[in-house]
PDB file of N, CA and C in Angstrom:
ATOM      1  N   MET A   1    -251.429 -78.439 108.352  1.00  0.00           N
ATOM      2  CA  MET A   1    -250.993 -78.124 107.017  1.00  0.00           C
ATOM      3  C   MET A   1    -249.947 -77.008 107.075  1.00  0.00           C
ATOM      4  N   GLU A   2    -248.811 -77.242 106.420  1.00  0.00           N
ATOM      5  CA  GLU A   2    -247.691 -76.315 106.430  1.00  0.00           C
ATOM      6  C   GLU A   2    -247.862 -75.271 105.329  1.00  0.00           C
ATOM      7  N   THR A   3    -247.592 -74.008 105.698  1.00  0.00           N
ATOM      8  CA  THR A   3    -247.714 -72.923 104.736  1.00  0.00           C
ATOM      9  C   THR A   3    -246.407 -72.781 103.982  1.00  0.00           C
ATOM     10  N   GLN A   4    -246.489 -72.706 102.672  1.00  0.00           N
ATOM     11  CA  GLN A   4    -245.313 -72.562 101.816  1.00  0.00           C
ATOM     12  C   GLN A   4    -245.003 -71.075 101.647  1.00  0.00           C
ATOM     13  N   ILE A   5    -243.736 -70.693 101.933  1.00  0.00           N
ATOM     14  CA  ILE A   5    -243.312 -69.310 101.755  1.00  0.00           C
ATOM     15  C   ILE A   5    -242.527 -69.239 100.450  1.00  0.00           C
ATOM     16  N   THR A   6    -242.869 -68.276  99.629  1.00  0.00           N
ATOM     17  CA  THR A   6    -242.212 -68.158  98.328  1.00  0.00           C
ATOM     18  C   THR A   6    -240.915 -67.363  98.461  1.00  0.00           C
ATOM     19  N   LYS A   7    -240.093 -67.516  97.451  1.00  0.00           N
ATOM     20  CA  LYS A   7    -238.835 -66.775  97.396  1.00  0.00           C
ATOM     21  C   LYS A   7    -239.111 -65.267  97.364  1.00  0.00           C
ATOM     22  N   GLU A   8    -240.128 -64.852  96.650  1.00  0.00           N
ATOM     23  CA  GLU A   8    -240.487 -63.440  96.569  1.00  0.00           C
ATOM     24  C   GLU A   8    -240.882 -62.886  97.938  1.00  0.00           C
ATOM     25  N   GLN A   9    -241.556 -63.686  98.740  1.00  0.00           N
ATOM     26  CA  GLN A   9    -241.932 -63.253 100.091  1.00  0.00           C
ATOM     27  C   GLN A   9    -240.696 -63.068 100.972  1.00  0.00           C
ATOM     28  N   VAL A  10    -239.730 -63.955 100.824  1.00  0.00           N
ATOM     29  CA  VAL A  10    -238.487 -63.840 101.594  1.00  0.00           C
ATOM     30  C   VAL A  10    -237.742 -62.573 101.169  1.00  0.00           C
ATOM     31  N   ILE A  11    -237.674 -62.328  99.863  1.00  0.00           N
ATOM     32  CA  ILE A  11    -236.994 -61.138  99.356  1.00  0.00           C
ATOM     33  C   ILE A  11    -237.688 -59.874  99.842  1.00  0.00           C
ATOM     34  N   ASP A  12    -239.003 -59.860  99.810  1.00  0.00           N
ATOM     35  CA  ASP A  12    -239.752 -58.702 100.307  1.00  0.00           C
ATOM     36  C   ASP A  12    -239.502 -58.488 101.797  1.00  0.00           C
ATOM     37  N   TYR A  13    -239.472 -59.574 102.555  1.00  0.00           N
ATOM     38  CA  TYR A  13    -239.237 -59.487 103.999  1.00  0.00           C
ATOM     39  C   TYR A  13    -237.848 -58.919 104.278  1.00  0.00           C
ATOM     40  N   LEU A  14    -236.831 -59.473 103.595  1.00  0.00           N
ATOM     41  CA  LEU A  14    -235.466 -59.001 103.804  1.00  0.00           C
ATOM     42  C   LEU A  14    -235.303 -57.547 103.355  1.00  0.00           C
ATOM     43  N   GLY A  15    -236.006 -57.168 102.299  1.00  0.00           N
ATOM     44  CA  GLY A  15    -235.937 -55.800 101.800  1.00  0.00           C
ATOM     45  C   GLY A  15    -236.476 -54.780 102.794  1.00  0.00           C
ATOM     46  N   ALA A  16    -237.341 -55.221 103.685  1.00  0.00           N
ATOM     47  CA  ALA A  16    -237.917 -54.317 104.677  1.00  0.00           C
ATOM     48  C   ALA A  16    -237.045 -54.188 105.928  1.00  0.00           C
ATOM     49  N   LEU A  17    -236.005 -55.034 106.052  1.00  0.00           N
ATOM     50  CA  LEU A  17    -235.136 -55.005 107.227  1.00  0.00           C
ATOM     51  C   LEU A  17    -234.019 -53.975 107.057  1.00  0.00           C
ATOM     52  N   SER A  18    -233.520 -53.487 108.192  1.00  0.00           N
ATOM     53  CA  SER A  18    -232.351 -52.605 108.159  1.00  0.00           C
ATOM     54  C   SER A  18    -231.098 -53.467 108.011  1.00  0.00           C
ATOM     55  N   VAL A  19    -229.998 -52.824 107.693  1.00  0.00           N
ATOM     56  CA  VAL A  19    -228.732 -53.550 107.544  1.00  0.00           C
ATOM     57  C   VAL A  19    -228.355 -54.225 108.857  1.00  0.00           C
ATOM     58  N   GLN A  20    -228.572 -53.533 109.960  1.00  0.00           N
ATOM     59  CA  GLN A  20    -228.245 -54.109 111.273  1.00  0.00           C
ATOM     60  C   GLN A  20    -229.112 -55.345 111.546  1.00  0.00           C
ATOM     61  N   GLU A  21    -230.390 -55.281 111.208  1.00  0.00           N
ATOM     62  CA  GLU A  21    -231.277 -56.438 111.421  1.00  0.00           C
ATOM     63  C   GLU A  21    -230.858 -57.617 110.552  1.00  0.00           C
ATOM     64  N   ILE A  22    -230.416 -57.337 109.329  1.00  0.00           N
ATOM     65  CA  ILE A  22    -229.953 -58.420 108.444  1.00  0.00           C
ATOM     66  C   ILE A  22    -228.674 -59.045 109.003  1.00  0.00           C
ATOM     67  N   ALA A  23    -227.785 -58.217 109.541  1.00  0.00           N
ATOM     68  CA  ALA A  23    -226.541 -58.734 110.124  1.00  0.00           C
ATOM     69  C   ALA A  23    -226.846 -59.657 111.302  1.00  0.00           C
ATOM     70  N   ILE A  24    -227.799 -59.259 112.141  1.00  0.00           N
ATOM     71  CA  ILE A  24    -228.198 -60.098 113.281  1.00  0.00           C
ATOM     72  C   ILE A  24    -228.809 -61.397 112.783  1.00  0.00           C
ATOM     73  N   LEU A  25    -229.649 -61.315 111.752  1.00  0.00           N
ATOM     74  CA  LEU A  25    -230.269 -62.504 111.176  1.00  0.00           C
ATOM     75  C   LEU A  25    -229.213 -63.461 110.636  1.00  0.00           C
ATOM     76  N   ILE A  26    -228.212 -62.930 109.960  1.00  0.00           N
ATOM     77  CA  ILE A  26    -227.136 -63.775 109.424  1.00  0.00           C
ATOM     78  C   ILE A  26    -226.400 -64.477 110.559  1.00  0.00           C
ATOM     79  N   ASP A  27    -226.100 -63.727 111.627  1.00  0.00           N
ATOM     80  CA  ASP A  27    -225.434 -64.341 112.782  1.00  0.00           C
ATOM     81  C   ASP A  27    -226.279 -65.462 113.376  1.00  0.00           C
ATOM     82  N   ASP A  28    -227.576 -65.217 113.497  1.00  0.00           N
ATOM     83  CA  ASP A  28    -228.479 -66.237 114.052  1.00  0.00           C
ATOM     84  C   ASP A  28    -228.532 -67.479 113.162  1.00  0.00           C
ATOM     85  N   LEU A  29    -228.577 -67.268 111.850  1.00  0.00           N
ATOM     86  CA  LEU A  29    -228.622 -68.407 110.926  1.00  0.00           C
ATOM     87  C   LEU A  29    -227.314 -69.210 110.986  1.00  0.00           C
ATOM     88  N   GLN A  30    -226.192 -68.516 111.073  1.00  0.00           N
ATOM     89  CA  GLN A  30    -224.910 -69.216 111.175  1.00  0.00           C
ATOM     90  C   GLN A  30    -224.859 -70.064 112.437  1.00  0.00           C
ATOM     91  N   GLU A  31    -225.328 -69.513 113.526  1.00  0.00           N
ATOM     92  CA  GLU A  31    -225.322 -70.249 114.787  1.00  0.00           C
ATOM     93  C   GLU A  31    -226.279 -71.436 114.730  1.00  0.00           C
ATOM     94  N   THR A  32    -227.469 -71.221 114.189  1.00  0.00           N
ATOM     95  CA  THR A  32    -228.480 -72.279 114.116  1.00  0.00           C
ATOM     96  C   THR A  32    -228.026 -73.426 113.228  1.00  0.00           C
ATOM     97  N   TRP A  33    -227.447 -73.091 112.085  1.00  0.00           N
ATOM     98  CA  TRP A  33    -227.063 -74.111 111.118  1.00  0.00           C
ATOM     99  C   TRP A  33    -225.624 -74.586 111.291  1.00  0.00           C
ATOM    100  N   GLY A  34    -224.875 -73.970 112.208  1.00  0.00           N
ATOM    101  CA  GLY A  34    -223.502 -74.395 112.461  1.00  0.00           C
ATOM    102  C   GLY A  34    -222.558 -74.109 111.297  1.00  0.00           C
ATOM    103  N   ILE A  35    -222.763 -72.993 110.646  1.00  0.00           N
ATOM    104  CA  ILE A  35    -221.900 -72.636 109.515  1.00  0.00           C
ATOM    105  C   ILE A  35    -221.239 -71.289 109.787  1.00  0.00           C
ATOM    106  N   SER A  36    -220.219 -70.991 109.008  1.00  0.00           N
ATOM    107  CA  SER A  36    -219.609 -69.661 109.083  1.00  0.00           C
ATOM    108  C   SER A  36    -219.313 -69.202 107.666  1.00  0.00           C
ATOM    109  N   LEU A  37    -219.598 -67.946 107.418  1.00  0.00           N
ATOM    110  CA  LEU A  37    -219.337 -67.362 106.106  1.00  0.00           C
ATOM    111  C   LEU A  37    -218.002 -66.643 106.149  1.00  0.00           C
ATOM    112  N   PRO A  38    -217.213 -66.755 105.083  1.00  0.00           N
ATOM    113  CA  PRO A  38    -215.933 -66.045 105.080  1.00  0.00           C
ATOM    114  C   PRO A  38    -216.170 -64.532 105.084  1.00  0.00           C
ATOM    115  N   GLN A  39    -215.364 -63.843 105.860  1.00  0.00           N
ATOM    116  CA  GLN A  39    -215.467 -62.392 105.935  1.00  0.00           C
ATOM    117  C   GLN A  39    -214.694 -61.783 104.763  1.00  0.00           C
ATOM    118  N   PRO A  40    -215.265 -60.783 104.108  1.00  0.00           N
ATOM    119  CA  PRO A  40    -214.535 -60.160 102.998  1.00  0.00           C
ATOM    120  C   PRO A  40    -213.292 -59.448 103.510  1.00  0.00           C
ATOM    121  N   VAL A  41    -212.231 -59.555 102.749  1.00  0.00           N
ATOM    122  CA  VAL A  41    -210.977 -58.914 103.114  1.00  0.00           C
ATOM    123  C   VAL A  41    -210.771 -57.737 102.186  1.00  0.00           C
ATOM    124  N   GLN A  42    -210.607 -56.564 102.776  1.00  0.00           N
ATOM    125  CA  GLN A  42    -210.378 -55.367 101.975  1.00  0.00           C
ATOM    126  C   GLN A  42    -208.922 -54.980 102.117  1.00  0.00           C
ATOM    127  N   GLN A  43    -208.238 -54.915 101.005  1.00  0.00           N
ATOM    128  CA  GLN A  43    -206.829 -54.571 101.051  1.00  0.00           C
ATOM    129  C   GLN A  43    -206.675 -53.065 100.964  1.00  0.00           C
ATOM    130  N   VAL A  44    -205.929 -52.521 101.917  1.00  0.00           N
ATOM    131  CA  VAL A  44    -205.665 -51.092 101.959  1.00  0.00           C
ATOM    132  C   VAL A  44    -204.217 -50.878 101.557  1.00  0.00           C
ATOM    133  N   PRO A  45    -203.988 -50.014 100.571  1.00  0.00           N
ATOM    134  CA  PRO A  45    -202.597 -49.799 100.172  1.00  0.00           C
ATOM    135  C   PRO A  45    -201.800 -49.142 101.280  1.00  0.00           C
ATOM    136  N   ASN A  46    -200.545 -49.524 101.396  1.00  0.00           N
ATOM    137  CA  ASN A  46    -199.657 -48.958 102.401  1.00  0.00           C
ATOM    138  C   ASN A  46    -199.119 -47.641 101.862  1.00  0.00           C
ATOM    139  N   VAL A  47    -199.627 -46.533 102.400  1.00  0.00           N
ATOM    140  CA  VAL A  47    -199.239 -45.220 101.879  1.00  0.00           C
ATOM    141  C   VAL A  47    -197.827 -44.832 102.299  1.00  0.00           C
ATOM    142  N   GLU A  48    -197.280 -45.482 103.298  1.00  0.00           N
ATOM    143  CA  GLU A  48    -195.934 -45.164 103.753  1.00  0.00           C
ATOM    144  C   GLU A  48    -194.868 -45.884 102.940  1.00  0.00           C
ATOM    145  N   GLN A  49    -195.244 -46.911 102.225  1.00  0.00           N
ATOM    146  CA  GLN A  49    -194.283 -47.701 101.469  1.00  0.00           C
ATOM    147  C   GLN A  49    -193.920 -46.971 100.179  1.00  0.00           C
ATOM    148  N   LYS A  50    -192.612 -46.796  99.942  1.00  0.00           N
ATOM    149  CA  LYS A  50    -192.147 -46.128  98.745  1.00  0.00           C
ATOM    150  C   LYS A  50    -191.733 -47.190  97.728  1.00  0.00           C
ATOM    151  N   PRO A  51    -191.998 -46.933  96.471  1.00  0.00           N
ATOM    152  CA  PRO A  51    -191.483 -47.864  95.459  1.00  0.00           C
ATOM    153  C   PRO A  51    -189.963 -47.908  95.527  1.00  0.00           C
ATOM    154  N   GLU A  52    -189.396 -49.073  95.290  1.00  0.00           N
ATOM    155  CA  GLU A  52    -187.959 -49.246  95.428  1.00  0.00           C
ATOM    156  C   GLU A  52    -187.172 -48.409  94.425  1.00  0.00           C
ATOM    157  N   ASP A  53    -187.780 -48.115  93.278  1.00  0.00           N
ATOM    158  CA  ASP A  53    -187.043 -47.384  92.264  1.00  0.00           C
ATOM    159  C   ASP A  53    -187.240 -45.867  92.369  1.00  0.00           C
ATOM    160  N   GLU A  54    -187.888 -45.397  93.407  1.00  0.00           N
ATOM    161  CA  GLU A  54    -188.096 -43.961  93.568  1.00  0.00           C
ATOM    162  C   GLU A  54    -186.802 -43.293  94.019  1.00  0.00           C
ATOM    163  N   GLN A  55    -186.395 -42.277  93.281  1.00  0.00           N
ATOM    164  CA  GLN A  55    -185.151 -41.576  93.603  1.00  0.00           C
ATOM    165  C   GLN A  55    -185.403 -40.628  94.761  1.00  0.00           C
ATOM    166  N   THR A  56    -184.542 -40.697  95.775  1.00  0.00           N
ATOM    167  CA  THR A  56    -184.705 -39.855  96.956  1.00  0.00           C
ATOM    168  C   THR A  56    -183.538 -38.884  97.146  1.00  0.00           C
ATOM    169  N   GLU A  57    -182.456 -39.066  96.394  1.00  0.00           N
ATOM    170  CA  GLU A  57    -181.310 -38.169  96.486  1.00  0.00           C
ATOM    171  C   GLU A  57    -181.001 -37.612  95.104  1.00  0.00           C
ATOM    172  N   PHE A  58    -180.601 -36.341  95.089  1.00  0.00           N
ATOM    173  CA  PHE A  58    -180.333 -35.669  93.827  1.00  0.00           C
ATOM    174  C   PHE A  58    -179.035 -34.879  93.926  1.00  0.00           C
ATOM    175  N   ASP A  59    -178.319 -34.783  92.832  1.00  0.00           N
ATOM    176  CA  ASP A  59    -177.130 -33.944  92.730  1.00  0.00           C
ATOM    177  C   ASP A  59    -177.527 -32.675  91.981  1.00  0.00           C
ATOM    178  N   ILE A  60    -177.249 -31.519  92.579  1.00  0.00           N
ATOM    179  CA  ILE A  60    -177.568 -30.242  91.961  1.00  0.00           C
ATOM    180  C   ILE A  60    -176.266 -29.503  91.706  1.00  0.00           C
ATOM    181  N   VAL A  61    -176.084 -29.060  90.483  1.00  0.00           N
ATOM    182  CA  VAL A  61    -174.898 -28.303  90.118  1.00  0.00           C
ATOM    183  C   VAL A  61    -175.346 -26.904  89.738  1.00  0.00           C
ATOM    184  N   LEU A  62    -174.878 -25.923  90.492  1.00  0.00           N
ATOM    185  CA  LEU A  62    -175.202 -24.526  90.220  1.00  0.00           C
ATOM    186  C   LEU A  62    -174.087 -23.960  89.357  1.00  0.00           C
ATOM    187  N   GLU A  63    -174.404 -23.669  88.106  1.00  0.00           N
ATOM    188  CA  GLU A  63    -173.396 -23.195  87.162  1.00  0.00           C
ATOM    189  C   GLU A  63    -173.266 -21.672  87.172  1.00  0.00           C
ATOM    190  N   GLY A  64    -174.243 -20.989  87.673  1.00  0.00           N
ATOM    191  CA  GLY A  64    -174.179 -19.534  87.719  1.00  0.00           C
ATOM    192  C   GLY A  64    -175.375 -18.995  88.480  1.00  0.00           C
ATOM    193  N   TYR A  65    -175.282 -17.760  88.891  1.00  0.00           N
ATOM    194  CA  TYR A  65    -176.366 -17.172  89.666  1.00  0.00           C
ATOM    195  C   TYR A  65    -176.780 -15.801  89.142  1.00  0.00           C
ATOM    196  N   GLY A  66    -176.089 -15.295  88.153  1.00  0.00           N
ATOM    197  CA  GLY A  66    -176.443 -14.018  87.554  1.00  0.00           C
ATOM    198  C   GLY A  66    -176.241 -12.873  88.527  1.00  0.00           C
ATOM    199  N   ASP A  67    -177.057 -11.851  88.412  1.00  0.00           N
ATOM    200  CA  ASP A  67    -176.901 -10.667  89.254  1.00  0.00           C
ATOM    201  C   ASP A  67    -177.742 -10.745  90.523  1.00  0.00           C
ATOM    202  N   LYS A  68    -178.361 -11.879  90.796  1.00  0.00           N
ATOM    203  CA  LYS A  68    -179.234 -12.050  91.969  1.00  0.00           C
ATOM    204  C   LYS A  68    -178.639 -13.068  92.942  1.00  0.00           C
ATOM    205  N   LYS A  69    -177.389 -12.880  93.289  1.00  0.00           N
ATOM    206  CA  LYS A  69    -176.680 -13.833  94.136  1.00  0.00           C
ATOM    207  C   LYS A  69    -177.381 -14.042  95.480  1.00  0.00           C
ATOM    208  N   ILE A  70    -177.845 -12.981  96.120  1.00  0.00           N
ATOM    209  CA  ILE A  70    -178.494 -13.084  97.430  1.00  0.00           C
ATOM    210  C   ILE A  70    -179.780 -13.909  97.328  1.00  0.00           C
ATOM    211  N   ASN A  71    -180.577 -13.680  96.283  1.00  0.00           N
ATOM    212  CA  ASN A  71    -181.824 -14.440  96.093  1.00  0.00           C
ATOM    213  C   ASN A  71    -181.540 -15.921  95.872  1.00  0.00           C
ATOM    214  N   VAL A  72    -180.465 -16.226  95.148  1.00  0.00           N
ATOM    215  CA  VAL A  72    -180.093 -17.625  94.909  1.00  0.00           C
ATOM    216  C   VAL A  72    -179.714 -18.285  96.233  1.00  0.00           C
ATOM    217  N   ILE A  73    -178.922 -17.586  97.049  1.00  0.00           N
ATOM    218  CA  ILE A  73    -178.504 -18.134  98.345  1.00  0.00           C
ATOM    219  C   ILE A  73    -179.722 -18.369  99.246  1.00  0.00           C
ATOM    220  N   LYS A  74    -180.662 -17.431  99.276  1.00  0.00           N
ATOM    221  CA  LYS A  74    -181.877 -17.587 100.087  1.00  0.00           C
ATOM    222  C   LYS A  74    -182.688 -18.795  99.627  1.00  0.00           C
ATOM    223  N   THR A  75    -182.818 -18.964  98.323  1.00  0.00           N
ATOM    224  CA  THR A  75    -183.586 -20.099  97.779  1.00  0.00           C
ATOM    225  C   THR A  75    -182.922 -21.424  98.116  1.00  0.00           C
ATOM    226  N   ILE A  76    -181.604 -21.480  97.984  1.00  0.00           N
ATOM    227  CA  ILE A  76    -180.881 -22.717  98.309  1.00  0.00           C
ATOM    228  C   ILE A  76    -181.079 -23.065  99.783  1.00  0.00           C
ATOM    229  N   ARG A  77    -181.041 -22.073 100.656  1.00  0.00           N
ATOM    230  CA  ARG A  77    -181.219 -22.328 102.096  1.00  0.00           C
ATOM    231  C   ARG A  77    -182.645 -22.784 102.409  1.00  0.00           C
ATOM    232  N   GLN A  78    -183.622 -22.371 101.592  1.00  0.00           N
ATOM    233  CA  GLN A  78    -185.004 -22.832 101.790  1.00  0.00           C
ATOM    234  C   GLN A  78    -185.158 -24.285 101.349  1.00  0.00           C
ATOM    235  N   VAL A  79    -184.513 -24.615 100.236  1.00  0.00           N
ATOM    236  CA  VAL A  79    -184.629 -25.974  99.685  1.00  0.00           C
ATOM    237  C   VAL A  79    -183.843 -26.978 100.515  1.00  0.00           C
ATOM    238  N   ILE A  80    -182.680 -26.568 101.013  1.00  0.00           N
ATOM    239  CA  ILE A  80    -181.827 -27.462 101.799  1.00  0.00           C
ATOM    240  C   ILE A  80    -181.708 -26.886 103.210  1.00  0.00           C
ATOM    241  N   PRO A  81    -182.597 -27.286 104.098  1.00  0.00           N
ATOM    242  CA  PRO A  81    -182.554 -26.750 105.455  1.00  0.00           C
ATOM    243  C   PRO A  81    -181.272 -27.140 106.183  1.00  0.00           C
ATOM    244  N   GLY A  82    -180.822 -26.262 107.065  1.00  0.00           N
ATOM    245  CA  GLY A  82    -179.646 -26.570 107.865  1.00  0.00           C
ATOM    246  C   GLY A  82    -178.356 -26.027 107.286  1.00  0.00           C
ATOM    247  N   LEU A  83    -178.408 -25.488 106.077  1.00  0.00           N
ATOM    248  CA  LEU A  83    -177.204 -24.931 105.485  1.00  0.00           C
ATOM    249  C   LEU A  83    -176.944 -23.542 106.047  1.00  0.00           C
ATOM    250  N   GLY A  84    -175.678 -23.283 106.312  1.00  0.00           N
ATOM    251  CA  GLY A  84    -175.294 -21.949 106.726  1.00  0.00           C
ATOM    252  C   GLY A  84    -175.144 -21.056 105.505  1.00  0.00           C
ATOM    253  N   LEU A  85    -174.895 -19.801 105.742  1.00  0.00           N
ATOM    254  CA  LEU A  85    -174.752 -18.838 104.654  1.00  0.00           C
ATOM    255  C   LEU A  85    -173.576 -19.213 103.753  1.00  0.00           C
ATOM    256  N   LYS A  86    -172.473 -19.627 104.356  1.00  0.00           N
ATOM    257  CA  LYS A  86    -171.272 -19.980 103.579  1.00  0.00           C
ATOM    258  C   LYS A  86    -171.515 -21.231 102.725  1.00  0.00           C
ATOM    259  N   GLU A  87    -172.169 -22.266 103.300  1.00  0.00           N
ATOM    260  CA  GLU A  87    -172.425 -23.508 102.560  1.00  0.00           C
ATOM    261  C   GLU A  87    -173.384 -23.292 101.400  1.00  0.00           C
ATOM    262  N   ALA A  88    -174.355 -22.417 101.586  1.00  0.00           N
ATOM    263  CA  ALA A  88    -175.330 -22.155 100.528  1.00  0.00           C
ATOM    264  C   ALA A  88    -174.661 -21.410  99.394  1.00  0.00           C
TER     265      ALA A  88
END
């Protein structure tokens, strides 16, 4: 006489297993039954990709510097590396 296992018993059994044990069980079932389950695909955004409409170059027009000319020159040289004193 064959013993009938209920759905609740299967759920209780699976609930007592670790994730690793369930993964092994799934692999065994796939092999036994000759099936394969699709693997979930997780899309990761490309953080290096810039939107095409992102502005990367700017025109700056300095109309005046007031009485702090040296501070303005120092700030410009910090913002635009590689500029000499004369270019800044």
